[in-house]
């Protein structure tokens, strides 16, 4: 019962990753967006449940206040999950791959 699996007619999924910031302040930002059924699109804004709360708790234990996760349901029928975690200088994005630097 997650995301696009609830859409009987199928839909679209978009996954994006980018690194923002500089030096030790860099973050990896991951965004996953998918279409939703029209009747579920009536609920819009920021939402969450037990799973999202557990993810937030886990991120807080790993990164303190430096990581963020949010779920946004738009009125246009798009659900967007955004995750931002600190990576410092340990990651690079090359083409379609995230590379761990040693």
C-alpha atoms as a PDB file:
ATOM      1  CA  UNK A   1       0.000   0.000   0.000  1.00  0.00           C
ATOM      2  CA  UNK A   2       2.606   2.509  -1.056  1.00  0.00           C
ATOM      3  CA  UNK A   3       2.572   5.272  -3.631  1.00  0.00           C
ATOM      4  CA  UNK A   4       1.821   4.286  -7.161  1.00  0.00           C
ATOM      5  CA  UNK A   5       0.685   0.753  -6.260  1.00  0.00           C
ATOM      6  CA  UNK A   6      -2.653   2.291  -5.245  1.00  0.00           C
ATOM      7  CA  UNK A   7      -3.172   3.733  -8.750  1.00  0.00           C
ATOM      8  CA  UNK A   8      -5.265   1.220 -10.726  1.00  0.00           C
ATOM      9  CA  UNK A   9      -4.455   2.860 -14.063  1.00  0.00           C
ATOM     10  CA  UNK A  10      -0.712   2.989 -13.535  1.00  0.00           C
ATOM     11  CA  UNK A  11       1.144   6.251 -13.473  1.00  0.00           C
ATOM     12  CA  UNK A  12       4.547   7.867 -13.474  1.00  0.00           C
ATOM     13  CA  UNK A  13       7.458   7.759 -11.055  1.00  0.00           C
ATOM     14  CA  UNK A  14      10.303  10.271 -11.071  1.00  0.00           C
ATOM     15  CA  UNK A  15      13.513   9.787  -9.057  1.00  0.00           C
ATOM     16  CA  UNK A  16      16.095  12.567  -8.766  1.00  0.00           C
ATOM     17  CA  UNK A  17      19.340  12.858  -6.821  1.00  0.00           C
ATOM     18  CA  UNK A  18      21.579  15.873  -6.442  1.00  0.00           C
ATOM     19  CA  UNK A  19      24.287  17.114  -4.154  1.00  0.00           C
ATOM     20  CA  UNK A  20      23.857  20.634  -2.791  1.00  0.00           C
ATOM     21  CA  UNK A  21      26.133  22.814  -0.723  1.00  0.00           C
ATOM     22  CA  UNK A  22      29.904  22.868  -0.517  1.00  0.00           C
ATOM     23  CA  UNK A  23      32.642  21.081   1.412  1.00  0.00           C
ATOM     24  CA  UNK A  24      31.665  19.553   4.727  1.00  0.00           C
ATOM     25  CA  UNK A  25      28.179  21.128   4.470  1.00  0.00           C
ATOM     26  CA  UNK A  26      27.153  19.137   1.380  1.00  0.00           C
ATOM     27  CA  UNK A  27      23.879  17.170   1.422  1.00  0.00           C
ATOM     28  CA  UNK A  28      22.520  14.461  -0.843  1.00  0.00           C
ATOM     29  CA  UNK A  29      18.950  15.368  -1.821  1.00  0.00           C
ATOM     30  CA  UNK A  30      16.771  12.524  -3.067  1.00  0.00           C
ATOM     31  CA  UNK A  31      13.311  13.231  -4.488  1.00  0.00           C
ATOM     32  CA  UNK A  32      10.787  10.572  -5.489  1.00  0.00           C
ATOM     33  CA  UNK A  33       7.491  11.699  -7.006  1.00  0.00           C
ATOM     34  CA  UNK A  34       4.589   9.652  -8.294  1.00  0.00           C
ATOM     35  CA  UNK A  35       1.062  10.172  -9.556  1.00  0.00           C
ATOM     36  CA  UNK A  36      -1.884   9.263  -7.318  1.00  0.00           C
ATOM     37  CA  UNK A  37      -5.517   8.342  -7.825  1.00  0.00           C
ATOM     38  CA  UNK A  38      -7.801  11.370  -8.130  1.00  0.00           C
ATOM     39  CA  UNK A  39      -9.834  10.543  -5.004  1.00  0.00           C
ATOM     40  CA  UNK A  40      -6.677  10.356  -2.847  1.00  0.00           C
ATOM     41  CA  UNK A  41      -5.468  13.642  -4.338  1.00  0.00           C
ATOM     42  CA  UNK A  42      -8.139  15.461  -2.309  1.00  0.00           C
ATOM     43  CA  UNK A  43      -5.880  15.149   0.742  1.00  0.00           C
ATOM     44  CA  UNK A  44      -3.096  17.636   0.140  1.00  0.00           C
ATOM     45  CA  UNK A  45      -0.337  19.221   2.182  1.00  0.00           C
ATOM     46  CA  UNK A  46       2.166  17.525   4.457  1.00  0.00           C
ATOM     47  CA  UNK A  47       1.179  14.133   5.804  1.00  0.00           C
ATOM     48  CA  UNK A  48       2.731  11.218   7.598  1.00  0.00           C
ATOM     49  CA  UNK A  49       2.145   8.042   9.484  1.00  0.00           C
ATOM     50  CA  UNK A  50       4.041   5.568  11.627  1.00  0.00           C
ATOM     51  CA  UNK A  51       6.497   4.685   8.851  1.00  0.00           C
ATOM     52  CA  UNK A  52       7.424   8.301   8.178  1.00  0.00           C
ATOM     53  CA  UNK A  53       7.746   8.963  11.907  1.00  0.00           C
ATOM     54  CA  UNK A  54      10.066   5.946  12.250  1.00  0.00           C
ATOM     55  CA  UNK A  55      12.222   7.203   9.361  1.00  0.00           C
ATOM     56  CA  UNK A  56      12.488  10.631  10.987  1.00  0.00           C
ATOM     57  CA  UNK A  57      13.515   9.032  14.305  1.00  0.00           C
ATOM     58  CA  UNK A  58      16.138   6.892  12.589  1.00  0.00           C
ATOM     59  CA  UNK A  59      17.572   9.854  10.663  1.00  0.00           C
ATOM     60  CA  UNK A  60      17.686  11.912  13.874  1.00  0.00           C
ATOM     61  CA  UNK A  61      19.639   9.121  15.615  1.00  0.00           C
ATOM     62  CA  UNK A  62      22.100   8.890  12.695  1.00  0.00           C
ATOM     63  CA  UNK A  63      22.506  12.549  11.720  1.00  0.00           C
ATOM     64  CA  UNK A  64      21.070  14.638  14.538  1.00  0.00           C
ATOM     65  CA  UNK A  65      19.172  17.576  13.092  1.00  0.00           C
ATOM     66  CA  UNK A  66      21.150  17.562   9.831  1.00  0.00           C
ATOM     67  CA  UNK A  67      18.824  15.198   7.921  1.00  0.00           C
ATOM     68  CA  UNK A  68      15.286  15.918   6.724  1.00  0.00           C
ATOM     69  CA  UNK A  69      12.512  13.771   5.273  1.00  0.00           C
ATOM     70  CA  UNK A  70       9.122  15.035   4.163  1.00  0.00           C
ATOM     71  CA  UNK A  71       6.112  13.807   2.203  1.00  0.00           C
ATOM     72  CA  UNK A  72       4.033  16.295   0.238  1.00  0.00           C
ATOM     73  CA  UNK A  73       0.682  15.466  -1.382  1.00  0.00           C
ATOM     74  CA  UNK A  74      -0.320  18.038  -3.972  1.00  0.00           C
ATOM     75  CA  UNK A  75      -3.837  18.875  -5.116  1.00  0.00           C
ATOM     76  CA  UNK A  76      -2.736  18.074  -8.685  1.00  0.00           C
ATOM     77  CA  UNK A  77      -2.375  14.374  -7.802  1.00  0.00           C
ATOM     78  CA  UNK A  78       1.373  14.112  -7.201  1.00  0.00           C
ATOM     79  CA  UNK A  79       2.957  12.589  -4.081  1.00  0.00           C
ATOM     80  CA  UNK A  80       6.531  13.737  -3.460  1.00  0.00           C
ATOM     81  CA  UNK A  81       8.938  12.319  -0.904  1.00  0.00           C
ATOM     82  CA  UNK A  82      12.086  14.341  -0.209  1.00  0.00           C
ATOM     83  CA  UNK A  83      15.113  13.169   1.744  1.00  0.00           C
ATOM     84  CA  UNK A  84      18.202  15.232   2.548  1.00  0.00           C
ATOM     85  CA  UNK A  85      21.189  13.691   4.345  1.00  0.00           C
ATOM     86  CA  UNK A  86      24.630  15.148   5.041  1.00  0.00           C
ATOM     87  CA  UNK A  87      27.416  13.613   2.949  1.00  0.00           C
ATOM     88  CA  UNK A  88      30.274  16.078   3.345  1.00  0.00           C
ATOM     89  CA  UNK A  89      32.841  15.339   0.661  1.00  0.00           C
ATOM     90  CA  UNK A  90      32.247  11.558   0.601  1.00  0.00           C
ATOM     91  CA  UNK A  91      29.855  11.341  -2.411  1.00  0.00           C
ATOM     92  CA  UNK A  92      29.777  12.475  -6.014  1.00  0.00           C
ATOM     93  CA  UNK A  93      27.130  12.161  -8.711  1.00  0.00           C
ATOM     94  CA  UNK A  94      28.552  11.061 -12.055  1.00  0.00           C
ATOM     95  CA  UNK A  95      25.991  10.664 -14.822  1.00  0.00           C
ATOM     96  CA  UNK A  96      23.201   8.490 -13.413  1.00  0.00           C
ATOM     97  CA  UNK A  97      25.263   7.047 -10.543  1.00  0.00           C
ATOM     98  CA  UNK A  98      26.064   8.134  -7.003  1.00  0.00           C
ATOM     99  CA  UNK A  99      29.724   7.358  -6.311  1.00  0.00           C
ATOM    100  CA  UNK A 100      31.315   6.934  -2.881  1.00  0.00           C
ATOM    101  CA  UNK A 101      34.679   8.701  -2.758  1.00  0.00           C
ATOM    102  CA  UNK A 102      37.486   7.288  -0.648  1.00  0.00           C
END
